[in-house]
């Protein structure tokens, strides 16, 4: 009946089709609104290629260290070495980002990372990475890359606002997170097949080539000149000022503390992926690639789900919910013995963890003044990536005594406790004044 009516009145059919397609176009433009900026388009294109290479290298490094030594403790040391510079150097990176050209700073860090990737590739392909000595060389290069990242992360996070402006910044943060985690889907899968067919060295070489894309994209950008205020302030005082602002703001302080719990306990499952792939699931490098990619798929969808938001109210409640979900997922994963259950649970963990990170980043960047942006993002990097190596070191040591599954059970339980405390003390306190205000308005 309706088809006959539309046939008689083509205009009605056209209007109906147009009205149905408008919400789809609106949703698409809302979800990707930061992509209207040319500089951000270049940034995303370069980042996608480069981050795929970085994920390949990380996966290959973990596999290579475990194959050379068979040591869970050394996997923890590897995670510690790759992240611990963030704890001590990110404040200097934040200082440089607030007082010097951020665009040039990102180009410099990407260039140094490219050189280190080629050095690691050359050492591996020439057969100089062997035994425990070779494993420690891999750890040493991971430490140097961690030093570069300590400068790169706060500068790059603060650089986002120069590409898109404050209005589209939350969407840019979420899209940047989706690209980062999209690389975690593709990179480990490619690495798994590349290791099986060609060896770890070619993963490192391809990562070096991938940095060319992001460096070219950065050079093609047209960045408006911004006035950089001169300062006689020391880097230490600069960090103190950023830390003081972050700790004086209750929402920022609370979400940063919960993010530290996620970093310290919740994200350590990645350190044990070679153990799960080889010893628990009786798999091979491709198994490792699928496990890490599963978490990456969930992370991408979590970031895209957050990018679709146009209303950023209730972020604290969302952060508490996703943190709890991640903790429960870790507890299930710790006891999983089958491949498909591990895949499913890692998907949920990736979705929840990335949603929490994107929401925390958005909440902070929406509340911080631009003159303190790099310094507060340095505090963010310190409390997120800076504590992660401590967790990796603890995870490796504990796993050596009680095994990887039991270690993840303990870590998941601690994260769940932190999430419940956050929900009861922070979300509950924020919700109470709103309910009282609504009740007063109704009266």
Protein backbone atom coordinates (compact mmCIF):
# COMPACT_ATOMS: atom_id res chain seq x y z
CA UNK A 1 0.00 0.00 0.00
CA UNK A 2 2.74 2.45 0.96
CA UNK A 3 4.73 1.54 -2.14
CA UNK A 4 1.72 2.40 -4.34
CA UNK A 5 1.31 5.75 -2.60
CA UNK A 6 4.97 6.62 -3.16
CA UNK A 7 4.73 5.61 -6.77
CA UNK A 8 1.80 8.01 -7.30
CA UNK A 9 3.65 10.81 -5.49
CA UNK A 10 7.37 10.70 -6.33
CA UNK A 11 7.97 13.92 -4.40
CA UNK A 12 6.77 12.22 -1.22
CA UNK A 13 9.15 9.34 -1.86
CA UNK A 14 12.06 11.74 -2.42
CA UNK A 15 11.30 13.71 0.73
CA UNK A 16 10.98 10.50 2.74
CA UNK A 17 14.32 9.21 1.47
CA UNK A 18 16.04 12.55 2.09
CA UNK A 19 14.68 12.85 5.62
CA UNK A 20 15.83 9.30 6.40
CA UNK A 21 19.33 9.96 5.12
CA UNK A 22 19.77 13.29 6.92
CA UNK A 23 20.26 11.76 10.41
CA UNK A 24 22.90 9.41 8.97
CA UNK A 25 24.80 12.32 7.44
CA UNK A 26 24.39 14.31 10.65
CA UNK A 27 25.71 11.43 12.75
CA UNK A 28 28.67 10.98 10.40
CA UNK A 29 29.55 14.68 10.42
CA UNK A 30 29.21 14.80 14.20
CA UNK A 31 31.39 11.77 14.77
CA UNK A 32 34.15 13.04 12.44
CA UNK A 33 33.74 16.80 12.77
CA UNK A 34 37.43 17.36 13.62
CA UNK A 35 38.30 15.99 10.16
CA UNK A 36 37.13 19.24 8.56
CA UNK A 37 40.51 20.73 9.54
CA UNK A 38 43.23 20.16 6.90
CA UNK A 39 46.04 19.96 9.44
CA UNK A 40 44.21 17.31 11.42
CA UNK A 41 43.55 15.30 8.25
CA UNK A 42 47.29 15.24 7.56
CA UNK A 43 48.03 14.40 11.18
CA UNK A 44 45.61 11.45 11.26
CA UNK A 45 46.85 10.03 7.94
CA UNK A 46 50.48 10.14 9.05
CA UNK A 47 49.72 8.88 12.55
CA UNK A 48 47.76 5.88 11.29
CA UNK A 49 50.69 4.59 9.22
CA UNK A 50 53.29 5.38 11.87
CA UNK A 51 51.34 3.88 14.76
CA UNK A 52 50.74 0.64 12.86
CA UNK A 53 54.52 0.39 12.57
CA UNK A 54 54.96 1.17 16.26
CA UNK A 55 52.47 -1.55 17.24
CA UNK A 56 54.30 -4.01 15.01
CA UNK A 57 57.57 -3.15 16.72
CA UNK A 58 56.15 -3.45 20.24
CA UNK A 59 54.64 -6.86 19.48
CA UNK A 60 57.88 -8.09 17.89
CA UNK A 61 59.96 -6.80 20.81
CA UNK A 62 57.82 -8.64 23.36
CA UNK A 63 57.96 -11.85 21.35
CA UNK A 64 61.71 -11.55 20.76
CA UNK A 65 62.52 -10.96 24.44
CA UNK A 66 60.43 -13.94 25.52
CA UNK A 67 61.90 -16.20 22.83
CA UNK A 68 65.46 -15.25 23.79
CA UNK A 69 65.00 -15.71 27.55
CA UNK A 70 61.67 -17.40 28.39
CA UNK A 71 61.52 -15.01 31.35
CA UNK A 72 58.28 -13.43 32.58
CA UNK A 73 60.34 -11.18 34.83
CA UNK A 74 62.26 -9.78 31.85
CA UNK A 75 58.97 -9.03 30.10
CA UNK A 76 58.12 -6.92 33.12
CA UNK A 77 61.51 -5.22 32.98
CA UNK A 78 60.95 -4.51 29.28
CA UNK A 79 57.63 -2.83 30.09
CA UNK A 80 59.30 -0.90 32.90
CA UNK A 81 62.18 0.31 30.74
CA UNK A 82 59.93 1.44 27.89
CA UNK A 83 57.72 3.56 30.16
CA UNK A 84 59.77 4.70 33.16
CA UNK A 85 61.29 7.77 31.40
CA UNK A 86 57.77 9.18 31.31
CA UNK A 87 57.81 9.33 35.09
CA UNK A 88 60.87 11.58 35.21
CA UNK A 89 61.03 13.41 31.88
CA UNK A 90 57.43 14.21 30.89
CA UNK A 91 57.54 17.37 33.05
CA UNK A 92 60.43 18.63 30.92
CA UNK A 93 58.43 17.74 27.81
CA UNK A 94 55.47 19.73 29.14
CA UNK A 95 57.73 22.69 29.89
CA UNK A 96 59.13 22.65 26.34
CA UNK A 97 55.62 22.34 24.89
CA UNK A 98 54.44 25.47 26.70
CA UNK A 99 57.53 27.58 25.93
CA UNK A 100 58.69 26.41 22.49
CA UNK A 101 57.21 25.53 19.10
CA UNK A 102 55.07 22.40 19.49
CA UNK A 103 55.02 21.68 15.75
CA UNK A 104 58.80 21.49 15.53
CA UNK A 105 58.93 19.52 18.76
CA UNK A 106 56.72 16.74 17.37
CA UNK A 107 58.79 16.58 14.17
CA UNK A 108 61.96 16.19 16.25
CA UNK A 109 60.60 13.37 18.42
CA UNK A 110 59.27 11.43 15.42
CA UNK A 111 62.62 11.73 13.65
CA UNK A 112 64.57 10.36 16.62
CA UNK A 113 62.08 7.47 16.97
CA UNK A 114 62.63 6.61 13.30
CA UNK A 115 66.41 6.47 13.77
CA UNK A 116 66.10 4.15 16.79
CA UNK A 117 63.78 1.81 14.87
CA UNK A 118 66.31 1.49 12.05
CA UNK A 119 69.12 0.85 14.55
CA UNK A 120 67.13 -1.99 16.17
CA UNK A 121 66.31 -3.41 12.72
CA UNK A 122 69.97 -3.37 11.69
CA UNK A 123 71.12 -5.12 14.87
CA UNK A 124 68.44 -7.81 14.56
CA UNK A 125 68.80 -8.48 10.83
CA UNK A 126 72.59 -8.81 11.13
CA UNK A 127 72.21 -11.45 13.84
CA UNK A 128 73.65 -9.41 16.71
CA UNK A 129 70.58 -9.83 18.93
CA UNK A 130 71.20 -13.23 20.55
CA UNK A 131 70.56 -14.74 24.00
CA UNK A 132 70.25 -12.75 27.20
CA UNK A 133 72.72 -10.15 25.98
CA UNK A 134 70.57 -9.50 22.92
CA UNK A 135 67.43 -9.28 25.04
CA UNK A 136 69.04 -6.59 27.18
CA UNK A 137 69.94 -4.66 24.01
CA UNK A 138 66.24 -4.72 23.05
CA UNK A 139 65.38 -3.46 26.55
CA UNK A 140 67.98 -0.67 26.26
CA UNK A 141 66.54 0.56 22.95
CA UNK A 142 63.05 0.40 24.47
CA UNK A 143 64.35 2.65 27.25
CA UNK A 144 65.67 5.16 24.72
CA UNK A 145 62.35 5.16 22.88
CA UNK A 146 60.67 5.75 26.22
CA UNK A 147 62.82 8.84 26.70
CA UNK A 148 61.68 10.17 23.32
CA UNK A 149 58.03 9.45 24.17
CA UNK A 150 58.37 11.35 27.44
CA UNK A 151 58.88 14.49 25.36
CA UNK A 152 56.53 13.50 22.54
CA UNK A 153 53.35 12.70 24.47
CA UNK A 154 52.73 16.00 26.33
CA UNK A 155 53.82 18.09 23.34
CA UNK A 156 51.68 16.11 20.88
CA UNK A 157 48.62 16.12 23.14
CA UNK A 158 48.86 19.89 23.57
CA UNK A 159 49.49 20.30 19.80
CA UNK A 160 45.99 18.93 19.01
CA UNK A 161 44.32 22.21 20.00
CA UNK A 162 46.44 24.12 17.46
CA UNK A 163 45.12 21.88 14.69
CA UNK A 164 41.39 21.93 15.47
CA UNK A 165 40.66 24.64 18.05
CA UNK A 166 38.92 24.17 21.40
CA UNK A 167 35.43 23.58 19.99
CA UNK A 168 36.42 20.42 18.11
CA UNK A 169 39.11 19.35 20.58
CA UNK A 170 37.05 16.61 22.35
CA UNK A 171 36.26 15.02 19.00
CA UNK A 172 39.91 15.29 17.93
CA UNK A 173 41.00 13.56 21.16
CA UNK A 174 38.55 10.70 20.58
CA UNK A 175 39.50 10.31 16.91
CA UNK A 176 43.19 10.40 17.76
CA UNK A 177 42.53 7.69 20.35
CA UNK A 178 40.64 5.61 17.76
CA UNK A 179 43.56 5.89 15.35
CA UNK A 180 46.00 4.88 18.08
CA UNK A 181 43.93 1.84 18.95
CA UNK A 182 43.13 1.09 15.32
CA UNK A 183 46.86 0.66 14.86
CA UNK A 184 46.77 -1.79 17.77
CA UNK A 185 44.35 -3.88 15.71
CA UNK A 186 46.31 -3.93 12.47
CA UNK A 187 49.87 -3.71 13.80
CA UNK A 188 49.99 -6.86 15.98
CA UNK A 189 48.21 -8.93 13.34
CA UNK A 190 50.73 -7.86 10.67
CA UNK A 191 53.55 -8.41 13.15
CA UNK A 192 52.38 -11.95 13.89
CA UNK A 193 52.53 -12.96 10.22
CA UNK A 194 55.74 -11.00 9.58
CA UNK A 195 57.52 -12.69 12.51
CA UNK A 196 56.37 -16.12 11.33
CA UNK A 197 57.47 -15.56 7.73
CA UNK A 198 60.41 -13.13 7.88
CA UNK A 199 61.46 -12.61 11.51
CA UNK A 200 61.31 -9.82 14.06
CA UNK A 201 63.92 -7.64 12.36
CA UNK A 202 61.64 -6.82 9.44
CA UNK A 203 58.97 -5.57 11.85
CA UNK A 204 61.51 -3.07 13.18
CA UNK A 205 62.54 -2.06 9.66
CA UNK A 206 58.94 -1.50 8.54
CA UNK A 207 58.34 0.61 11.64
CA UNK A 208 61.29 2.81 10.68
CA UNK A 209 59.79 3.32 7.22
CA UNK A 210 56.38 4.16 8.71
CA UNK A 211 57.78 7.25 10.44
CA UNK A 212 58.43 8.79 7.02
CA UNK A 213 54.65 9.16 6.56
CA UNK A 214 54.07 11.10 9.76
CA UNK A 215 57.14 13.32 9.27
CA UNK A 216 56.01 14.23 5.73
CA UNK A 217 52.49 14.94 7.00
CA UNK A 218 53.84 17.22 9.74
CA UNK A 219 56.00 19.12 7.24
CA UNK A 220 52.97 19.66 4.97
CA UNK A 221 50.94 21.35 7.74
CA UNK A 222 50.25 25.06 7.77
CA UNK A 223 50.29 26.03 11.44
CA UNK A 224 49.34 29.56 12.44
CA UNK A 225 52.00 31.31 14.46
CA UNK A 226 51.17 31.58 18.14
CA UNK A 227 52.72 33.94 20.60
CA UNK A 228 54.93 32.08 23.05
CA UNK A 229 55.26 33.94 26.30
CA UNK A 230 58.84 34.11 27.58
CA UNK A 231 59.37 32.71 31.04
CA UNK A 232 62.20 32.60 33.55
CA UNK A 233 60.47 29.74 35.34
CA UNK A 234 62.50 26.56 35.79
CA UNK A 235 61.18 23.21 34.48
CA UNK A 236 60.74 22.02 38.08
CA UNK A 237 58.64 25.05 39.06
CA UNK A 238 56.74 24.63 35.80
CA UNK A 239 55.81 21.06 36.72
CA UNK A 240 54.84 22.14 40.22
CA UNK A 241 52.50 24.77 38.79
CA UNK A 242 50.83 22.24 36.48
CA UNK A 243 50.62 19.65 39.26
CA UNK A 244 49.18 22.21 41.67
CA UNK A 245 46.44 23.16 39.20
CA UNK A 246 45.59 19.49 38.50
CA UNK A 247 45.40 18.57 42.19
CA UNK A 248 43.36 21.65 43.14
CA UNK A 249 40.62 20.78 40.64
CA UNK A 250 38.52 17.98 42.16
CA UNK A 251 37.26 16.38 38.91
CA UNK A 252 40.74 16.42 37.35
CA UNK A 253 42.39 15.06 40.51
CA UNK A 254 39.89 12.25 40.98
CA UNK A 255 39.92 11.06 37.39
CA UNK A 256 43.72 11.20 37.24
CA UNK A 257 44.00 9.04 40.35
CA UNK A 258 41.64 6.45 38.86
CA UNK A 259 43.58 6.59 35.59
CA UNK A 260 46.73 5.80 37.57
CA UNK A 261 45.00 2.70 38.96
CA UNK A 262 44.15 1.63 35.40
CA UNK A 263 47.75 2.19 34.33
CA UNK A 264 49.29 0.52 37.38
CA UNK A 265 47.11 -2.61 37.38
CA UNK A 266 44.60 -2.66 34.53
CA UNK A 267 46.86 -2.39 31.49
CA UNK A 268 49.49 -4.91 32.58
CA UNK A 269 47.71 -7.75 30.77
CA UNK A 270 49.62 -6.70 27.62
CA UNK A 271 52.92 -7.65 29.27
CA UNK A 272 51.72 -11.25 29.61
CA UNK A 273 50.39 -11.73 26.07
CA UNK A 274 53.39 -13.82 24.92
CA UNK A 275 52.86 -16.11 27.93
CA UNK A 276 49.15 -16.53 27.17
CA UNK A 277 49.78 -17.06 23.46
CA UNK A 278 52.54 -19.67 23.84
CA UNK A 279 52.14 -21.37 27.23
CA UNK A 280 48.43 -21.15 28.10
CA UNK A 281 46.78 -21.28 24.66
CA UNK A 282 49.61 -23.33 23.07
CA UNK A 283 49.76 -20.97 20.11
CA UNK A 284 52.35 -19.16 17.97
CA UNK A 285 53.17 -15.58 16.89
CA UNK A 286 49.88 -15.37 14.99
CA UNK A 287 48.03 -16.22 18.21
CA UNK A 288 49.81 -13.32 19.90
CA UNK A 289 48.78 -11.04 17.05
CA UNK A 290 45.12 -12.04 17.31
CA UNK A 291 45.02 -11.56 21.08
CA UNK A 292 46.48 -8.07 20.91
CA UNK A 293 44.34 -7.18 17.90
CA UNK A 294 41.18 -8.21 19.74
CA UNK A 295 41.87 -5.68 22.48
CA UNK A 296 42.64 -3.17 19.74
CA UNK A 297 39.30 -3.72 17.98
CA UNK A 298 37.46 -3.08 21.23
CA UNK A 299 39.59 0.00 21.82
CA UNK A 300 38.78 1.43 18.38
CA UNK A 301 35.04 0.96 18.89
CA UNK A 302 35.30 2.47 22.36
CA UNK A 303 37.03 5.55 20.98
CA UNK A 304 34.56 5.92 18.10
CA UNK A 305 31.64 5.50 20.48
CA UNK A 306 33.04 8.33 22.58
CA UNK A 307 33.72 10.44 19.47
CA UNK A 308 30.01 10.31 18.61
CA UNK A 309 29.09 12.10 21.83
CA UNK A 310 27.98 15.70 21.52
CA UNK A 311 27.11 16.14 25.20
CA UNK A 312 30.04 15.79 27.59
CA UNK A 313 28.03 15.93 30.80
CA UNK A 314 28.24 12.94 33.10
CA UNK A 315 31.84 12.12 32.22
CA UNK A 316 32.67 11.13 35.81
CA UNK A 317 29.87 8.55 35.81
CA UNK A 318 31.04 7.21 32.45
CA UNK A 319 34.63 6.96 33.70
CA UNK A 320 33.51 5.01 36.78
CA UNK A 321 31.38 2.62 34.71
CA UNK A 322 34.07 1.85 32.14
CA UNK A 323 36.70 1.38 34.83
CA UNK A 324 34.51 -1.17 36.62
CA UNK A 325 33.81 -2.98 33.35
CA UNK A 326 37.52 -3.18 32.57
CA UNK A 327 38.26 -4.62 36.02
CA UNK A 328 35.60 -7.33 35.69
CA UNK A 329 36.91 -8.19 32.23
CA UNK A 330 40.42 -8.66 33.62
CA UNK A 331 39.14 -10.99 36.33
CA UNK A 332 37.42 -13.15 33.71
CA UNK A 333 40.46 -13.09 31.42
CA UNK A 334 42.78 -14.18 34.24
CA UNK A 335 40.96 -17.51 34.45
CA UNK A 336 40.33 -18.00 30.72
CA UNK A 337 41.83 -21.09 29.10
CA UNK A 338 40.25 -21.05 25.63
CA UNK A 339 41.20 -18.89 22.66
CA UNK A 340 37.75 -17.50 21.85
CA UNK A 341 36.95 -16.58 25.45
CA UNK A 342 40.25 -14.68 25.62
CA UNK A 343 39.42 -12.91 22.36
CA UNK A 344 35.94 -11.89 23.57
CA UNK A 345 37.08 -10.66 26.98
CA UNK A 346 40.05 -8.71 25.59
CA UNK A 347 37.62 -6.97 23.23
CA UNK A 348 35.58 -5.76 26.23
CA UNK A 349 38.71 -4.75 28.15
CA UNK A 350 39.98 -2.74 25.18
CA UNK A 351 36.63 -0.99 24.73
CA UNK A 352 36.31 -0.05 28.40
CA UNK A 353 39.91 1.03 28.96
CA UNK A 354 40.01 3.28 25.89
CA UNK A 355 36.66 4.85 26.73
CA UNK A 356 37.96 5.66 30.19
CA UNK A 357 41.17 7.17 28.81
CA UNK A 358 39.36 9.29 26.19
CA UNK A 359 36.85 10.57 28.74
CA UNK A 360 39.62 11.46 31.21
CA UNK A 361 41.64 13.28 28.53
CA UNK A 362 38.55 15.21 27.40
CA UNK A 363 37.57 16.20 30.93
CA UNK A 364 41.07 17.53 31.64
CA UNK A 365 41.54 19.41 28.36
CA UNK A 366 38.13 21.04 28.70
CA UNK A 367 39.02 22.40 32.14
CA UNK A 368 42.65 23.49 31.73
CA UNK A 369 43.68 27.00 30.54
CA UNK A 370 45.75 27.03 27.35
CA UNK A 371 48.83 28.57 29.01
CA UNK A 372 49.02 25.53 31.32
CA UNK A 373 47.92 22.93 28.77
CA UNK A 374 51.26 21.22 28.09
CA UNK A 375 52.20 21.21 31.76
CA UNK A 376 48.92 19.72 32.90
CA UNK A 377 49.14 17.16 30.07
CA UNK A 378 52.61 16.35 31.41
CA UNK A 379 50.95 15.58 34.76
CA UNK A 380 48.44 13.45 32.84
CA UNK A 381 51.29 11.61 31.09
CA UNK A 382 53.16 11.14 34.37
CA UNK A 383 50.17 9.72 36.24
CA UNK A 384 49.10 7.56 33.30
CA UNK A 385 52.17 6.40 31.37
CA UNK A 386 54.62 7.25 34.15
CA UNK A 387 53.21 4.75 36.65
CA UNK A 388 52.72 2.04 34.02
CA UNK A 389 56.37 0.89 34.17
CA UNK A 390 56.10 0.48 37.92
CA UNK A 391 53.11 -1.78 37.33
CA UNK A 392 55.03 -3.72 34.66
CA UNK A 393 57.95 -4.26 37.01
CA UNK A 394 55.63 -5.40 39.81
CA UNK A 395 53.71 -7.62 37.38
CA UNK A 396 56.88 -9.33 36.17
CA UNK A 397 58.13 -9.95 39.70
CA UNK A 398 54.79 -11.24 41.00
CA UNK A 399 54.23 -13.43 37.94
CA UNK A 400 57.61 -15.07 38.49
CA UNK A 401 56.33 -16.29 41.87
CA UNK A 402 52.64 -17.01 41.36
CA UNK A 403 52.23 -17.09 37.56
CA UNK A 404 50.66 -14.69 35.08
CA UNK A 405 46.97 -15.74 35.56
CA UNK A 406 47.06 -15.31 39.36
CA UNK A 407 48.86 -11.99 38.96
CA UNK A 408 46.08 -10.70 36.70
CA UNK A 409 43.50 -11.90 39.23
CA UNK A 410 45.16 -9.79 41.94
CA UNK A 411 45.51 -6.78 39.64
CA UNK A 412 41.90 -7.01 38.44
CA UNK A 413 40.67 -7.16 42.04
CA UNK A 414 42.68 -4.06 43.00
CA UNK A 415 41.34 -2.17 39.98
CA UNK A 416 37.78 -3.17 40.86
CA UNK A 417 38.29 -1.87 44.39
CA UNK A 418 39.58 1.45 43.05
CA UNK A 419 36.62 1.75 40.66
CA UNK A 420 34.07 1.14 43.41
CA UNK A 421 35.75 3.72 45.66
CA UNK A 422 35.64 6.26 42.80
CA UNK A 423 31.97 5.58 42.13
CA UNK A 424 30.95 5.83 45.77
CA UNK A 425 33.04 8.84 46.78
CA UNK A 426 33.35 10.90 43.61
CA UNK A 427 30.39 10.10 41.37
CA UNK A 428 28.08 9.94 44.39
CA UNK A 429 29.21 13.36 45.65
CA UNK A 430 28.86 14.95 42.22
CA UNK A 431 25.43 13.42 41.72
CA UNK A 432 24.01 14.52 45.08
CA UNK A 433 24.16 18.31 44.45
CA UNK A 434 22.57 17.84 41.01
CA UNK A 435 19.68 15.85 42.46
CA UNK A 436 19.19 18.43 45.22
CA UNK A 437 19.20 21.26 42.67
CA UNK A 438 16.68 19.40 40.49
CA UNK A 439 14.42 18.75 43.49
CA UNK A 440 14.55 22.44 44.46
CA UNK A 441 13.61 23.43 40.92
CA UNK A 442 10.65 21.04 40.93
CA UNK A 443 9.40 22.53 44.20
